[in-house]
PDB file of N, CA and C in Angstrom:
ATOM      1  N   MET A   1     116.558 118.690  99.769  1.00  0.00           N
ATOM      2  CA  MET A   1     115.381 117.848  99.562  1.00  0.00           C
ATOM      3  C   MET A   1     114.852 118.034  98.141  1.00  0.00           C
ATOM      4  N   VAL A   2     114.924 119.262  97.640  1.00  0.00           N
ATOM      5  CA  VAL A   2     114.459 119.533  96.282  1.00  0.00           C
ATOM      6  C   VAL A   2     115.382 118.877  95.265  1.00  0.00           C
ATOM      7  N   LYS A   3     116.667 118.762  95.614  1.00  0.00           N
ATOM      8  CA  LYS A   3     117.629 118.155  94.692  1.00  0.00           C
ATOM      9  C   LYS A   3     117.332 116.672  94.481  1.00  0.00           C
ATOM     10  N   ASN A   4     116.864 116.019  95.525  1.00  0.00           N
ATOM     11  CA  ASN A   4     116.665 114.576  95.460  1.00  0.00           C
ATOM     12  C   ASN A   4     115.267 114.177  94.995  1.00  0.00           C
ATOM     13  N   ILE A   5     114.415 115.170  94.699  1.00  0.00           N
ATOM     14  CA  ILE A   5     113.016 114.831  94.410  1.00  0.00           C
ATOM     15  C   ILE A   5     112.887 113.990  93.145  1.00  0.00           C
ATOM     16  N   SER A   6     113.723 114.245  92.143  1.00  0.00           N
ATOM     17  CA  SER A   6     113.626 113.477  90.904  1.00  0.00           C
ATOM     18  C   SER A   6     114.045 112.031  91.130  1.00  0.00           C
ATOM     19  N   GLY A   7     115.021 111.835  91.996  1.00  0.00           N
ATOM     20  CA  GLY A   7     115.491 110.481  92.271  1.00  0.00           C
ATOM     21  C   GLY A   7     114.609 109.756  93.269  1.00  0.00           C
ATOM     22  N   MET A   8     114.006 110.492  94.196  1.00  0.00           N
ATOM     23  CA  MET A   8     113.233 109.880  95.265  1.00  0.00           C
ATOM     24  C   MET A   8     111.740 109.842  94.969  1.00  0.00           C
ATOM     25  N   SER A   9     111.312 110.597  93.976  1.00  0.00           N
ATOM     26  CA  SER A   9     109.875 110.769  93.757  1.00  0.00           C
ATOM     27  C   SER A   9     109.171 109.432  93.527  1.00  0.00           C
ATOM     28  N   THR A  10     109.723 108.611  92.640  1.00  0.00           N
ATOM     29  CA  THR A  10     109.056 107.351  92.308  1.00  0.00           C
ATOM     30  C   THR A  10     108.939 106.462  93.535  1.00  0.00           C
ATOM     31  N   LEU A  11     110.044 106.289  94.248  1.00  0.00           N
ATOM     32  CA  LEU A  11     110.033 105.431  95.430  1.00  0.00           C
ATOM     33  C   LEU A  11     109.123 105.998  96.500  1.00  0.00           C
ATOM     34  N   ALA A  12     109.187 107.303  96.699  1.00  0.00           N
ATOM     35  CA  ALA A  12     108.356 107.939  97.722  1.00  0.00           C
ATOM     36  C   ALA A  12     106.880 107.813  97.368  1.00  0.00           C
ATOM     37  N   ILE A  13     106.557 108.013  96.093  1.00  0.00           N
ATOM     38  CA  ILE A  13     105.160 107.931  95.658  1.00  0.00           C
ATOM     39  C   ILE A  13     104.630 106.514  95.868  1.00  0.00           C
ATOM     40  N   TYR A  14     105.393 105.515  95.444  1.00  0.00           N
ATOM     41  CA  TYR A  14     104.946 104.137  95.626  1.00  0.00           C
ATOM     42  C   TYR A  14     104.819 103.790  97.100  1.00  0.00           C
ATOM     43  N   ASN A  15     105.756 104.306  97.903  1.00  0.00           N
ATOM     44  CA  ASN A  15     105.718 104.038  99.340  1.00  0.00           C
ATOM     45  C   ASN A  15     104.472 104.640  99.960  1.00  0.00           C
ATOM     46  N   LYS A  16     104.147 105.877  99.562  1.00  0.00           N
ATOM     47  CA  LYS A  16     102.972 106.550 100.115  1.00  0.00           C
ATOM     48  C   LYS A  16     101.692 105.871  99.639  1.00  0.00           C
ATOM     49  N   LEU A  17     101.660 105.456  98.381  1.00  0.00           N
ATOM     50  CA  LEU A  17     100.476 104.779  97.861  1.00  0.00           C
ATOM     51  C   LEU A  17     100.244 103.468  98.604  1.00  0.00           C
ATOM     52  N   TYR A  18     101.317 102.704  98.796  1.00  0.00           N
ATOM     53  CA  TYR A  18     101.196 101.432  99.506  1.00  0.00           C
ATOM     54  C   TYR A  18     100.765 101.662 100.945  1.00  0.00           C
ATOM     55  N   GLU A  19     101.367 102.674 101.572  1.00  0.00           N
ATOM     56  CA  GLU A  19     101.045 102.972 102.964  1.00  0.00           C
ATOM     57  C   GLU A  19      99.581 103.372 103.087  1.00  0.00           C
ATOM     58  N   GLY A  20      99.135 104.243 102.204  1.00  0.00           N
ATOM     59  CA  GLY A  20      97.747 104.702 102.233  1.00  0.00           C
ATOM     60  C   GLY A  20      96.774 103.563 101.966  1.00  0.00           C
ATOM     61  N   PHE A  21      97.128 102.701 101.006  1.00  0.00           N
ATOM     62  CA  PHE A  21      96.266 101.576 100.684  1.00  0.00           C
ATOM     63  C   PHE A  21      96.169 100.612 101.857  1.00  0.00           C
ATOM     64  N   TYR A  22      97.297 100.351 102.501  1.00  0.00           N
ATOM     65  CA  TYR A  22      97.323  99.424 103.629  1.00  0.00           C
ATOM     66  C   TYR A  22      96.509  99.964 104.793  1.00  0.00           C
ATOM     67  N   LEU A  23      96.679 101.259 105.088  1.00  0.00           N
ATOM     68  CA  LEU A  23      95.946 101.855 106.200  1.00  0.00           C
ATOM     69  C   LEU A  23      94.454 101.871 105.914  1.00  0.00           C
ATOM     70  N   SER A  24      94.078 102.212 104.687  1.00  0.00           N
ATOM     71  CA  SER A  24      92.657 102.257 104.343  1.00  0.00           C
ATOM     72  C   SER A  24      92.062 100.850 104.369  1.00  0.00           C
ATOM     73  N   TRP A  25      92.849  99.855 103.950  1.00  0.00           N
ATOM     74  CA  TRP A  25      92.368  98.473 103.983  1.00  0.00           C
ATOM     75  C   TRP A  25      92.151  98.011 105.419  1.00  0.00           C
ATOM     76  N   GLU A  26      93.113  98.319 106.295  1.00  0.00           N
ATOM     77  CA  GLU A  26      92.982  97.961 107.708  1.00  0.00           C
ATOM     78  C   GLU A  26      91.762  98.634 108.314  1.00  0.00           C
ATOM     79  N   TYR A  27      91.546  99.901 107.961  1.00  0.00           N
ATOM     80  CA  TYR A  27      90.401 100.644 108.480  1.00  0.00           C
ATOM     81  C   TYR A  27      89.102 100.030 107.981  1.00  0.00           C
ATOM     82  N   TRP A  28      89.058  99.671 106.701  1.00  0.00           N
ATOM     83  CA  TRP A  28      87.845  99.098 106.124  1.00  0.00           C
ATOM     84  C   TRP A  28      87.547  97.731 106.731  1.00  0.00           C
ATOM     85  N   GLN A  29      88.596  96.928 106.955  1.00  0.00           N
ATOM     86  CA  GLN A  29      88.404  95.617 107.572  1.00  0.00           C
ATOM     87  C   GLN A  29      87.827  95.775 108.975  1.00  0.00           C
ATOM     88  N   GLY A  30      88.358  96.724 109.732  1.00  0.00           N
ATOM     89  CA  GLY A  30      87.866  96.972 111.079  1.00  0.00           C
ATOM     90  C   GLY A  30      86.443  97.496 111.055  1.00  0.00           C
ATOM     91  N   TYR A  31      86.141  98.342 110.073  1.00  0.00           N
ATOM     92  CA  TYR A  31      84.806  98.928 109.975  1.00  0.00           C
ATOM     93  C   TYR A  31      83.781  97.871 109.585  1.00  0.00           C
ATOM     94  N   SER A  32      84.138  97.017 108.625  1.00  0.00           N
ATOM     95  CA  SER A  32      83.200  95.981 108.187  1.00  0.00           C
ATOM     96  C   SER A  32      83.042  94.915 109.268  1.00  0.00           C
ATOM     97  N   ARG A  33      84.060  94.754 110.100  1.00  0.00           N
ATOM     98  CA  ARG A  33      83.989  93.786 111.178  1.00  0.00           C
ATOM     99  C   ARG A  33      83.071  94.284 112.287  1.00  0.00           C
ATOM    100  N   PHE A  34      83.097  95.609 112.507  1.00  0.00           N
ATOM    101  CA  PHE A  34      82.243  96.214 113.525  1.00  0.00           C
ATOM    102  C   PHE A  34      81.425  97.344 112.912  1.00  0.00           C
ATOM    103  N   PRO A  35      80.379  97.037 112.154  1.00  0.00           N
ATOM    104  CA  PRO A  35      79.578  98.092 111.517  1.00  0.00           C
ATOM    105  C   PRO A  35      78.834  98.915 112.552  1.00  0.00           C
ATOM    106  N   LEU A  36      78.679 100.177 112.258  1.00  0.00           N
ATOM    107  CA  LEU A  36      77.982 101.068 113.185  1.00  0.00           C
ATOM    108  C   LEU A  36      76.480 100.843 113.077  1.00  0.00           C
TER     109      LEU A  36
END
């Protein structure tokens, strides 16, 4: 896994950023739709 980090880092980072952004957006949409 350490051997592939240089080759996988960029793709993994972008994948995680997109995933995190999508999840946070979905959460925010749900929260704004149903405010506490």
